[in-house]
């Protein structure tokens, strides 16, 4: 089991308010947003990716390419890529909403 460390950071009040609003909009905690930001900025696992793979991953994170295109660039199947993304704590861009389940046939 991994141990967690607690970090305390200070941000300007305007940034704190913006994070609160974003967290509410995305239905996440402020802590989750900060952890995602740190992961995106400092994740060293991605240093071994080629320039094209890194660029594609950034494009996917920005919503510019699909997971299928990312899988193609990464040389993986979509399912393998989803597993790899979970292992690397990469948020997957999905459009699922609870209302979708109610409308499924």
PDB file of N, CA and C in Angstrom:
ATOM      1  N   UNK A   1       0.846  -1.170   0.000  1.00  0.00           N
ATOM      2  CA  UNK A   1       0.000   0.000   0.000  1.00  0.00           C
ATOM      3  C   UNK A   1       0.896   1.239   0.000  1.00  0.00           C
ATOM      4  N   UNK A   2       0.572   2.191  -0.848  1.00  0.00           N
ATOM      5  CA  UNK A   2       1.395   3.393  -0.920  1.00  0.00           C
ATOM      6  C   UNK A   2       1.011   4.364   0.179  1.00  0.00           C
ATOM      7  N   UNK A   3       2.020   5.057   0.654  1.00  0.00           N
ATOM      8  CA  UNK A   3       1.779   6.080   1.651  1.00  0.00           C
ATOM      9  C   UNK A   3       1.533   7.395   0.936  1.00  0.00           C
ATOM     10  N   UNK A   4       0.727   8.219   1.508  1.00  0.00           N
ATOM     11  CA  UNK A   4       0.464   9.532   0.953  1.00  0.00           C
ATOM     12  C   UNK A   4       1.101  10.582   1.840  1.00  0.00           C
ATOM     13  N   UNK A   5       1.513  11.666   1.215  1.00  0.00           N
ATOM     14  CA  UNK A   5       2.061  12.805   1.939  1.00  0.00           C
ATOM     15  C   UNK A   5       1.104  13.964   1.781  1.00  0.00           C
ATOM     16  N   UNK A   6       1.072  14.797   2.771  1.00  0.00           N
ATOM     17  CA  UNK A   6       0.217  15.970   2.728  1.00  0.00           C
ATOM     18  C   UNK A   6       1.077  17.188   2.441  1.00  0.00           C
ATOM     19  N   UNK A   7       0.660  17.978   1.478  1.00  0.00           N
ATOM     20  CA  UNK A   7       1.340  19.217   1.143  1.00  0.00           C
ATOM     21  C   UNK A   7       0.390  20.374   1.420  1.00  0.00           C
ATOM     22  N   UNK A   8       0.928  21.443   1.918  1.00  0.00           N
ATOM     23  CA  UNK A   8       0.140  22.644   2.141  1.00  0.00           C
ATOM     24  C   UNK A   8       0.701  23.717   1.225  1.00  0.00           C
ATOM     25  N   UNK A   9      -0.159  24.303   0.412  1.00  0.00           N
ATOM     26  CA  UNK A   9       0.293  25.354  -0.499  1.00  0.00           C
ATOM     27  C   UNK A   9      -0.534  26.610  -0.277  1.00  0.00           C
ATOM     28  N   UNK A  10       0.062  27.733  -0.593  1.00  0.00           N
ATOM     29  CA  UNK A  10      -0.658  28.998  -0.511  1.00  0.00           C
ATOM     30  C   UNK A  10      -0.848  29.525  -1.921  1.00  0.00           C
ATOM     31  N   UNK A  11      -2.069  29.957  -2.210  1.00  0.00           N
ATOM     32  CA  UNK A  11      -2.370  30.569  -3.499  1.00  0.00           C
ATOM     33  C   UNK A  11      -3.110  31.873  -3.236  1.00  0.00           C
ATOM     34  N   UNK A  12      -3.107  32.724  -4.238  1.00  0.00           N
ATOM     35  CA  UNK A  12      -3.821  33.988  -4.097  1.00  0.00           C
ATOM     36  C   UNK A  12      -5.321  33.715  -4.011  1.00  0.00           C
ATOM     37  N   UNK A  13      -6.059  34.572  -3.320  1.00  0.00           N
ATOM     38  CA  UNK A  13      -7.503  34.355  -3.159  1.00  0.00           C
ATOM     39  C   UNK A  13      -8.249  34.183  -4.486  1.00  0.00           C
ATOM     40  N   UNK A  14      -7.842  34.906  -5.519  1.00  0.00           N
ATOM     41  CA  UNK A  14      -8.529  34.772  -6.815  1.00  0.00           C
ATOM     42  C   UNK A  14      -8.319  33.380  -7.404  1.00  0.00           C
ATOM     43  N   UNK A  15      -7.116  32.819  -7.243  1.00  0.00           N
ATOM     44  CA  UNK A  15      -6.852  31.476  -7.742  1.00  0.00           C
ATOM     45  C   UNK A  15      -7.644  30.450  -6.940  1.00  0.00           C
ATOM     46  N   UNK A  16      -7.714  30.630  -5.628  1.00  0.00           N
ATOM     47  CA  UNK A  16      -8.471  29.707  -4.782  1.00  0.00           C
ATOM     48  C   UNK A  16      -9.945  29.706  -5.186  1.00  0.00           C
ATOM     49  N   UNK A  17     -10.491  30.882  -5.441  1.00  0.00           N
ATOM     50  CA  UNK A  17     -11.898  30.973  -5.848  1.00  0.00           C
ATOM     51  C   UNK A  17     -12.118  30.324  -7.210  1.00  0.00           C
ATOM     52  N   UNK A  18     -11.189  30.565  -8.136  1.00  0.00           N
ATOM     53  CA  UNK A  18     -11.297  29.953  -9.464  1.00  0.00           C
ATOM     54  C   UNK A  18     -11.224  28.430  -9.367  1.00  0.00           C
ATOM     55  N   UNK A  19     -10.347  27.907  -8.503  1.00  0.00           N
ATOM     56  CA  UNK A  19     -10.253  26.462  -8.309  1.00  0.00           C
ATOM     57  C   UNK A  19     -11.533  25.896  -7.705  1.00  0.00           C
ATOM     58  N   UNK A  20     -12.120  26.613  -6.762  1.00  0.00           N
ATOM     59  CA  UNK A  20     -13.385  26.162  -6.161  1.00  0.00           C
ATOM     60  C   UNK A  20     -14.470  26.051  -7.218  1.00  0.00           C
ATOM     61  N   UNK A  21     -14.569  27.064  -8.073  1.00  0.00           N
ATOM     62  CA  UNK A  21     -15.586  27.052  -9.134  1.00  0.00           C
ATOM     63  C   UNK A  21     -15.337  25.923 -10.132  1.00  0.00           C
ATOM     64  N   UNK A  22     -14.081  25.739 -10.518  1.00  0.00           N
ATOM     65  CA  UNK A  22     -13.745  24.683 -11.461  1.00  0.00           C
ATOM     66  C   UNK A  22     -14.007  23.305 -10.865  1.00  0.00           C
ATOM     67  N   UNK A  23     -13.661  23.136  -9.607  1.00  0.00           N
ATOM     68  CA  UNK A  23     -13.904  21.860  -8.933  1.00  0.00           C
ATOM     69  C   UNK A  23     -15.396  21.552  -8.897  1.00  0.00           C
ATOM     70  N   UNK A  24     -16.197  22.553  -8.603  1.00  0.00           N
ATOM     71  CA  UNK A  24     -17.639  22.353  -8.561  1.00  0.00           C
ATOM     72  C   UNK A  24     -18.171  21.994  -9.951  1.00  0.00           C
ATOM     73  N   UNK A  25     -17.685  22.701 -10.956  1.00  0.00           N
ATOM     74  CA  UNK A  25     -18.132  22.456 -12.336  1.00  0.00           C
ATOM     75  C   UNK A  25     -17.773  21.048 -12.792  1.00  0.00           C
ATOM     76  N   UNK A  26     -16.570  20.591 -12.431  1.00  0.00           N
ATOM     77  CA  UNK A  26     -16.096  19.266 -12.851  1.00  0.00           C
ATOM     78  C   UNK A  26     -16.491  18.157 -11.880  1.00  0.00           C
ATOM     79  N   UNK A  27     -17.173  18.533 -10.805  1.00  0.00           N
ATOM     80  CA  UNK A  27     -17.611  17.575  -9.786  1.00  0.00           C
ATOM     81  C   UNK A  27     -16.424  16.819  -9.199  1.00  0.00           C
ATOM     82  N   UNK A  28     -15.389  17.584  -8.845  1.00  0.00           N
ATOM     83  CA  UNK A  28     -14.187  17.029  -8.232  1.00  0.00           C
ATOM     84  C   UNK A  28     -13.840  17.893  -7.031  1.00  0.00           C
ATOM     85  N   UNK A  29     -12.906  17.408  -6.235  1.00  0.00           N
ATOM     86  CA  UNK A  29     -12.440  18.235  -5.126  1.00  0.00           C
ATOM     87  C   UNK A  29     -11.295  19.109  -5.617  1.00  0.00           C
ATOM     88  N   UNK A  30     -11.005  20.153  -4.859  1.00  0.00           N
ATOM     89  CA  UNK A  30      -9.863  21.000  -5.210  1.00  0.00           C
ATOM     90  C   UNK A  30      -8.572  20.176  -5.147  1.00  0.00           C
ATOM     91  N   UNK A  31      -8.494  19.276  -4.205  1.00  0.00           N
ATOM     92  CA  UNK A  31      -7.320  18.419  -4.085  1.00  0.00           C
ATOM     93  C   UNK A  31      -7.106  17.577  -5.333  1.00  0.00           C
ATOM     94  N   UNK A  32      -8.215  17.027  -5.886  1.00  0.00           N
ATOM     95  CA  UNK A  32      -8.092  16.232  -7.109  1.00  0.00           C
ATOM     96  C   UNK A  32      -7.571  17.085  -8.265  1.00  0.00           C
ATOM     97  N   UNK A  33      -8.069  18.309  -8.374  1.00  0.00           N
ATOM     98  CA  UNK A  33      -7.600  19.204  -9.435  1.00  0.00           C
ATOM     99  C   UNK A  33      -6.111  19.485  -9.295  1.00  0.00           C
ATOM    100  N   UNK A  34      -5.673  19.754  -8.086  1.00  0.00           N
ATOM    101  CA  UNK A  34      -4.256  20.057  -7.855  1.00  0.00           C
ATOM    102  C   UNK A  34      -3.398  18.826  -8.142  1.00  0.00           C
ATOM    103  N   UNK A  35      -3.851  17.637  -7.702  1.00  0.00           N
ATOM    104  CA  UNK A  35      -3.097  16.410  -7.985  1.00  0.00           C
ATOM    105  C   UNK A  35      -2.990  16.168  -9.485  1.00  0.00           C
ATOM    106  N   UNK A  36      -4.081  16.403 -10.227  1.00  0.00           N
ATOM    107  CA  UNK A  36      -4.034  16.247 -11.682  1.00  0.00           C
ATOM    108  C   UNK A  36      -3.047  17.227 -12.311  1.00  0.00           C
ATOM    109  N   UNK A  37      -3.053  18.453 -11.834  1.00  0.00           N
ATOM    110  CA  UNK A  37      -2.143  19.461 -12.382  1.00  0.00           C
ATOM    111  C   UNK A  37      -0.689  19.070 -12.140  1.00  0.00           C
ATOM    112  N   UNK A  38      -0.394  18.590 -10.950  1.00  0.00           N
ATOM    113  CA  UNK A  38       0.971  18.175 -10.633  1.00  0.00           C
ATOM    114  C   UNK A  38       1.362  16.984 -11.501  1.00  0.00           C
ATOM    115  N   UNK A  39       0.447  16.048 -11.662  1.00  0.00           N
ATOM    116  CA  UNK A  39       0.718  14.878 -12.488  1.00  0.00           C
ATOM    117  C   UNK A  39       1.023  15.279 -13.922  1.00  0.00           C
ATOM    118  N   UNK A  40       0.218  16.177 -14.460  1.00  0.00           N
ATOM    119  CA  UNK A  40       0.416  16.620 -15.843  1.00  0.00           C
ATOM    120  C   UNK A  40       1.747  17.336 -16.005  1.00  0.00           C
ATOM    121  N   UNK A  41       2.101  18.182 -15.070  1.00  0.00           N
ATOM    122  CA  UNK A  41       3.318  18.994 -15.194  1.00  0.00           C
ATOM    123  C   UNK A  41       4.596  18.237 -14.879  1.00  0.00           C
ATOM    124  N   UNK A  42       4.552  17.302 -13.946  1.00  0.00           N
ATOM    125  CA  UNK A  42       5.790  16.725 -13.445  1.00  0.00           C
ATOM    126  C   UNK A  42       5.895  15.210 -13.546  1.00  0.00           C
ATOM    127  N   UNK A  43       5.024  14.588 -14.293  1.00  0.00           N
ATOM    128  CA  UNK A  43       5.064  13.134 -14.367  1.00  0.00           C
ATOM    129  C   UNK A  43       6.267  12.684 -15.180  1.00  0.00           C
ATOM    130  N   UNK A  44       7.242  12.111 -14.511  1.00  0.00           N
ATOM    131  CA  UNK A  44       8.492  11.729 -15.167  1.00  0.00           C
ATOM    132  C   UNK A  44       8.369  10.458 -15.997  1.00  0.00           C
ATOM    133  N   UNK A  45       7.291   9.702 -15.817  1.00  0.00           N
ATOM    134  CA  UNK A  45       7.102   8.479 -16.611  1.00  0.00           C
ATOM    135  C   UNK A  45       7.060   8.796 -18.102  1.00  0.00           C
ATOM    136  N   UNK A  46       6.710  10.010 -18.439  1.00  0.00           N
ATOM    137  CA  UNK A  46       6.518  10.359 -19.837  1.00  0.00           C
ATOM    138  C   UNK A  46       7.793  10.824 -20.519  1.00  0.00           C
ATOM    139  N   UNK A  47       8.907  10.853 -19.791  1.00  0.00           N
ATOM    140  CA  UNK A  47      10.163  11.269 -20.398  1.00  0.00           C
ATOM    141  C   UNK A  47      10.633  10.268 -21.448  1.00  0.00           C
ATOM    142  N   UNK A  48      10.175   9.015 -21.344  1.00  0.00           N
ATOM    143  CA  UNK A  48      10.581   7.981 -22.294  1.00  0.00           C
ATOM    144  C   UNK A  48       9.719   7.947 -23.551  1.00  0.00           C
ATOM    145  N   UNK A  49       8.689   8.774 -23.617  1.00  0.00           N
ATOM    146  CA  UNK A  49       7.843   8.816 -24.806  1.00  0.00           C
ATOM    147  C   UNK A  49       8.550   9.578 -25.917  1.00  0.00           C
ATOM    148  N   UNK A  50       8.257   9.205 -27.153  1.00  0.00           N
ATOM    149  CA  UNK A  50       8.817   9.948 -28.283  1.00  0.00           C
ATOM    150  C   UNK A  50       8.143  11.319 -28.342  1.00  0.00           C
ATOM    151  N   UNK A  51       8.728  12.212 -29.123  1.00  0.00           N
ATOM    152  CA  UNK A  51       8.154  13.554 -29.256  1.00  0.00           C
ATOM    153  C   UNK A  51       6.740  13.479 -29.821  1.00  0.00           C
ATOM    154  N   UNK A  52       6.525  12.608 -30.785  1.00  0.00           N
ATOM    155  CA  UNK A  52       5.194  12.451 -31.378  1.00  0.00           C
ATOM    156  C   UNK A  52       4.174  11.924 -30.386  1.00  0.00           C
ATOM    157  N   UNK A  53       4.601  10.977 -29.554  1.00  0.00           N
ATOM    158  CA  UNK A  53       3.702  10.423 -28.540  1.00  0.00           C
ATOM    159  C   UNK A  53       3.369  11.470 -27.487  1.00  0.00           C
ATOM    160  N   UNK A  54       4.366  12.232 -27.062  1.00  0.00           N
ATOM    161  CA  UNK A  54       4.135  13.286 -26.071  1.00  0.00           C
ATOM    162  C   UNK A  54       3.170  14.332 -26.629  1.00  0.00           C
ATOM    163  N   UNK A  55       3.382  14.701 -27.884  1.00  0.00           N
ATOM    164  CA  UNK A  55       2.520  15.698 -28.518  1.00  0.00           C
ATOM    165  C   UNK A  55       1.087  15.166 -28.642  1.00  0.00           C
ATOM    166  N   UNK A  56       0.954  13.903 -29.011  1.00  0.00           N
ATOM    167  CA  UNK A  56      -0.376  13.310 -29.131  1.00  0.00           C
ATOM    168  C   UNK A  56      -1.071  13.233 -27.774  1.00  0.00           C
ATOM    169  N   UNK A  57      -0.323  12.906 -26.732  1.00  0.00           N
ATOM    170  CA  UNK A  57      -0.902  12.839 -25.388  1.00  0.00           C
ATOM    171  C   UNK A  57      -1.398  14.213 -24.955  1.00  0.00           C
ATOM    172  N   UNK A  58      -0.611  15.237 -25.225  1.00  0.00           N
ATOM    173  CA  UNK A  58      -1.046  16.604 -24.911  1.00  0.00           C
ATOM    174  C   UNK A  58      -2.276  16.993 -25.726  1.00  0.00           C
ATOM    175  N   UNK A  59      -2.290  16.608 -26.998  1.00  0.00           N
ATOM    176  CA  UNK A  59      -3.447  16.912 -27.847  1.00  0.00           C
ATOM    177  C   UNK A  59      -4.693  16.207 -27.325  1.00  0.00           C
ATOM    178  N   UNK A  60      -4.549  14.966 -26.869  1.00  0.00           N
ATOM    179  CA  UNK A  60      -5.684  14.239 -26.303  1.00  0.00           C
ATOM    180  C   UNK A  60      -6.173  14.924 -25.034  1.00  0.00           C
ATOM    181  N   UNK A  61      -5.238  15.286 -24.168  1.00  0.00           N
ATOM    182  CA  UNK A  61      -5.614  15.952 -22.918  1.00  0.00           C
ATOM    183  C   UNK A  61      -6.338  17.262 -23.185  1.00  0.00           C
ATOM    184  N   UNK A  62      -5.956  17.926 -24.255  1.00  0.00           N
ATOM    185  CA  UNK A  62      -6.607  19.190 -24.602  1.00  0.00           C
ATOM    186  C   UNK A  62      -7.914  19.016 -25.344  1.00  0.00           C
ATOM    187  N   UNK A  63      -8.256  17.770 -25.681  1.00  0.00           N
ATOM    188  CA  UNK A  63      -9.509  17.507 -26.379  1.00  0.00           C
ATOM    189  C   UNK A  63      -9.418  17.671 -27.889  1.00  0.00           C
ATOM    190  N   UNK A  64      -8.201  17.677 -28.423  1.00  0.00           N
ATOM    191  CA  UNK A  64      -8.021  17.910 -29.853  1.00  0.00           C
ATOM    192  C   UNK A  64      -8.002  16.642 -30.688  1.00  0.00           C
ATOM    193  N   UNK A  65      -7.694  15.506 -30.073  1.00  0.00           N
ATOM    194  CA  UNK A  65      -7.733  14.238 -30.800  1.00  0.00           C
ATOM    195  C   UNK A  65      -8.489  13.213 -29.963  1.00  0.00           C
ATOM    196  N   UNK A  66      -8.959  12.179 -30.634  1.00  0.00           N
ATOM    197  CA  UNK A  66      -9.726  11.126 -29.970  1.00  0.00           C
ATOM    198  C   UNK A  66      -8.789  10.111 -29.318  1.00  0.00           C
ATOM    199  N   UNK A  67      -9.374   9.275 -28.477  1.00  0.00           N
ATOM    200  CA  UNK A  67      -8.582   8.210 -27.853  1.00  0.00           C
ATOM    201  C   UNK A  67      -8.132   7.214 -28.910  1.00  0.00           C
ATOM    202  N   UNK A  68      -8.927   7.042 -29.964  1.00  0.00           N
ATOM    203  CA  UNK A  68      -8.535   6.145 -31.055  1.00  0.00           C
ATOM    204  C   UNK A  68      -7.282   6.636 -31.762  1.00  0.00           C
ATOM    205  N   UNK A  69      -7.222   7.931 -32.026  1.00  0.00           N
ATOM    206  CA  UNK A  69      -6.040   8.510 -32.673  1.00  0.00           C
ATOM    207  C   UNK A  69      -4.841   8.416 -31.740  1.00  0.00           C
ATOM    208  N   UNK A  70      -5.043   8.681 -30.454  1.00  0.00           N
ATOM    209  CA  UNK A  70      -3.954   8.569 -29.490  1.00  0.00           C
ATOM    210  C   UNK A  70      -3.432   7.137 -29.448  1.00  0.00           C
ATOM    211  N   UNK A  71      -4.333   6.161 -29.428  1.00  0.00           N
ATOM    212  CA  UNK A  71      -3.924   4.754 -29.405  1.00  0.00           C
ATOM    213  C   UNK A  71      -3.083   4.421 -30.633  1.00  0.00           C
ATOM    214  N   UNK A  72      -3.475   4.939 -31.777  1.00  0.00           N
ATOM    215  CA  UNK A  72      -2.729   4.711 -33.018  1.00  0.00           C
ATOM    216  C   UNK A  72      -1.300   5.260 -32.894  1.00  0.00           C
ATOM    217  N   UNK A  73      -1.176   6.489 -32.424  1.00  0.00           N
ATOM    218  CA  UNK A  73       0.146   7.111 -32.275  1.00  0.00           C
ATOM    219  C   UNK A  73       0.990   6.373 -31.237  1.00  0.00           C
ATOM    220  N   UNK A  74       0.340   5.906 -30.174  1.00  0.00           N
ATOM    221  CA  UNK A  74       1.052   5.210 -29.098  1.00  0.00           C
ATOM    222  C   UNK A  74       1.391   3.765 -29.473  1.00  0.00           C
ATOM    223  N   UNK A  75       0.791   3.258 -30.559  1.00  0.00           N
ATOM    224  CA  UNK A  75       1.042   1.883 -30.982  1.00  0.00           C
ATOM    225  C   UNK A  75       0.364   0.865 -30.099  1.00  0.00           C
ATOM    226  N   UNK A  76      -0.825   1.208 -29.595  1.00  0.00           N
ATOM    227  CA  UNK A  76      -1.578   0.329 -28.698  1.00  0.00           C
ATOM    228  C   UNK A  76      -3.003   0.191 -29.197  1.00  0.00           C
ATOM    229  N   UNK A  77      -3.680  -0.833 -28.692  1.00  0.00           N
ATOM    230  CA  UNK A  77      -5.118  -0.904 -28.909  1.00  0.00           C
ATOM    231  C   UNK A  77      -5.770   0.095 -27.958  1.00  0.00           C
ATOM    232  N   UNK A  78      -7.002   0.459 -28.230  1.00  0.00           N
ATOM    233  CA  UNK A  78      -7.689   1.411 -27.364  1.00  0.00           C
ATOM    234  C   UNK A  78      -7.809   0.857 -25.944  1.00  0.00           C
ATOM    235  N   UNK A  79      -8.122  -0.417 -25.815  1.00  0.00           N
ATOM    236  CA  UNK A  79      -8.263  -1.006 -24.485  1.00  0.00           C
ATOM    237  C   UNK A  79      -6.929  -1.009 -23.743  1.00  0.00           C
ATOM    238  N   UNK A  80      -5.850  -1.364 -24.429  1.00  0.00           N
ATOM    239  CA  UNK A  80      -4.526  -1.337 -23.798  1.00  0.00           C
ATOM    240  C   UNK A  80      -4.160   0.074 -23.381  1.00  0.00           C
ATOM    241  N   UNK A  81      -4.494   1.043 -24.223  1.00  0.00           N
ATOM    242  CA  UNK A  81      -4.214   2.439 -23.904  1.00  0.00           C
ATOM    243  C   UNK A  81      -5.000   2.883 -22.676  1.00  0.00           C
ATOM    244  N   UNK A  82      -6.269   2.496 -22.594  1.00  0.00           N
ATOM    245  CA  UNK A  82      -7.080   2.868 -21.424  1.00  0.00           C
ATOM    246  C   UNK A  82      -6.468   2.298 -20.140  1.00  0.00           C
ATOM    247  N   UNK A  83      -5.993   1.074 -20.206  1.00  0.00           N
ATOM    248  CA  UNK A  83      -5.346   0.457 -19.039  1.00  0.00           C
ATOM    249  C   UNK A  83      -4.075   1.227 -18.701  1.00  0.00           C
ATOM    250  N   UNK A  84      -3.264   1.537 -19.715  1.00  0.00           N
ATOM    251  CA  UNK A  84      -2.029   2.298 -19.498  1.00  0.00           C
ATOM    252  C   UNK A  84      -2.336   3.661 -18.890  1.00  0.00           C
ATOM    253  N   UNK A  85      -3.378   4.311 -19.380  1.00  0.00           N
ATOM    254  CA  UNK A  85      -3.761   5.626 -18.852  1.00  0.00           C
ATOM    255  C   UNK A  85      -4.183   5.517 -17.388  1.00  0.00           C
ATOM    256  N   UNK A  86      -4.939   4.480 -17.055  1.00  0.00           N
ATOM    257  CA  UNK A  86      -5.324   4.269 -15.644  1.00  0.00           C
ATOM    258  C   UNK A  86      -4.092   4.067 -14.775  1.00  0.00           C
ATOM    259  N   UNK A  87      -3.142   3.278 -15.256  1.00  0.00           N
ATOM    260  CA  UNK A  87      -1.922   3.012 -14.491  1.00  0.00           C
ATOM    261  C   UNK A  87      -1.094   4.281 -14.275  1.00  0.00           C
ATOM    262  N   UNK A  88      -1.221   5.242 -15.206  1.00  0.00           N
ATOM    263  CA  UNK A  88      -0.452   6.480 -15.119  1.00  0.00           C
ATOM    264  C   UNK A  88      -1.297   7.661 -14.642  1.00  0.00           C
ATOM    265  N   UNK A  89      -2.466   7.358 -14.097  1.00  0.00           N
ATOM    266  CA  UNK A  89      -3.361   8.381 -13.523  1.00  0.00           C
ATOM    267  C   UNK A  89      -3.669   9.499 -14.510  1.00  0.00           C
ATOM    268  N   UNK A  90      -3.909   9.112 -15.764  1.00  0.00           N
ATOM    269  CA  UNK A  90      -4.264  10.090 -16.792  1.00  0.00           C
ATOM    270  C   UNK A  90      -5.779  10.107 -16.912  1.00  0.00           C
ATOM    271  N   UNK A  91      -6.354  11.275 -16.746  1.00  0.00           N
ATOM    272  CA  UNK A  91      -7.800  11.413 -16.862  1.00  0.00           C
ATOM    273  C   UNK A  91      -8.216  11.144 -18.298  1.00  0.00           C
ATOM    274  N   UNK A  92      -9.215  10.300 -18.441  1.00  0.00           N
ATOM    275  CA  UNK A  92      -9.707   9.971 -19.775  1.00  0.00           C
ATOM    276  C   UNK A  92     -10.886  10.866 -20.117  1.00  0.00           C
ATOM    277  N   UNK A  93     -10.834  11.430 -21.315  1.00  0.00           N
ATOM    278  CA  UNK A  93     -11.898  12.313 -21.773  1.00  0.00           C
ATOM    279  C   UNK A  93     -13.104  11.471 -22.168  1.00  0.00           C
ATOM    280  N   UNK A  94     -14.088  11.458 -21.326  1.00  0.00           N
ATOM    281  CA  UNK A  94     -15.305  10.730 -21.638  1.00  0.00           C
ATOM    282  C   UNK A  94     -16.479  11.694 -21.570  1.00  0.00           C
ATOM    283  N   UNK A  95     -17.509  11.360 -22.271  1.00  0.00           N
ATOM    284  CA  UNK A  95     -18.691  12.218 -22.309  1.00  0.00           C
ATOM    285  C   UNK A  95     -19.860  11.571 -21.587  1.00  0.00           C
ATOM    286  N   UNK A  96     -19.599  10.528 -20.836  1.00  0.00           N
ATOM    287  CA  UNK A  96     -20.668   9.813 -20.144  1.00  0.00           C
ATOM    288  C   UNK A  96     -21.275  10.678 -19.060  1.00  0.00           C
ATOM    289  N   UNK A  97     -22.565  10.641 -18.984  1.00  0.00           N
ATOM    290  CA  UNK A  97     -23.301  11.340 -17.937  1.00  0.00           C
ATOM    291  C   UNK A  97     -24.330  10.361 -17.404  1.00  0.00           C
ATOM    292  N   UNK A  98     -24.708  10.487 -16.156  1.00  0.00           N
ATOM    293  CA  UNK A  98     -25.697   9.580 -15.558  1.00  0.00           C
ATOM    294  C   UNK A  98     -26.985   9.563 -16.360  1.00  0.00           C
ATOM    295  N   UNK A  99     -27.340  10.674 -16.974  1.00  0.00           N
ATOM    296  CA  UNK A  99     -28.553  10.717 -17.798  1.00  0.00           C
ATOM    297  C   UNK A  99     -28.428   9.816 -19.021  1.00  0.00           C
ATOM    298  N   UNK A 100     -27.194   9.564 -19.487  1.00  0.00           N
ATOM    299  CA  UNK A 100     -26.988   8.691 -20.646  1.00  0.00           C
ATOM    300  C   UNK A 100     -27.530   7.289 -20.365  1.00  0.00           C
ATOM    301  N   UNK A 101     -27.303   6.783 -19.163  1.00  0.00           N
ATOM    302  CA  UNK A 101     -27.758   5.450 -18.807  1.00  0.00           C
ATOM    303  C   UNK A 101     -29.276   5.351 -18.866  1.00  0.00           C
ATOM    304  N   UNK A 102     -29.939   6.386 -18.428  1.00  0.00           N
ATOM    305  CA  UNK A 102     -31.400   6.373 -18.449  1.00  0.00           C
ATOM    306  C   UNK A 102     -31.943   6.393 -19.872  1.00  0.00           C
ATOM    307  N   UNK A 103     -31.173   6.977 -20.800  1.00  0.00           N
ATOM    308  CA  UNK A 103     -31.622   7.066 -22.188  1.00  0.00           C
ATOM    309  C   UNK A 103     -31.168   5.896 -23.054  1.00  0.00           C
ATOM    310  N   UNK A 104     -30.342   4.998 -22.505  1.00  0.00           N
ATOM    311  CA  UNK A 104     -29.850   3.857 -23.268  1.00  0.00           C
ATOM    312  C   UNK A 104     -30.979   2.873 -23.527  1.00  0.00           C
ATOM    313  N   UNK A 105     -30.917   2.256 -24.669  1.00  0.00           N
ATOM    314  CA  UNK A 105     -31.962   1.279 -25.018  1.00  0.00           C
ATOM    315  C   UNK A 105     -31.399  -0.095 -25.093  1.00  0.00           C
TER     316      UNK A 105
END
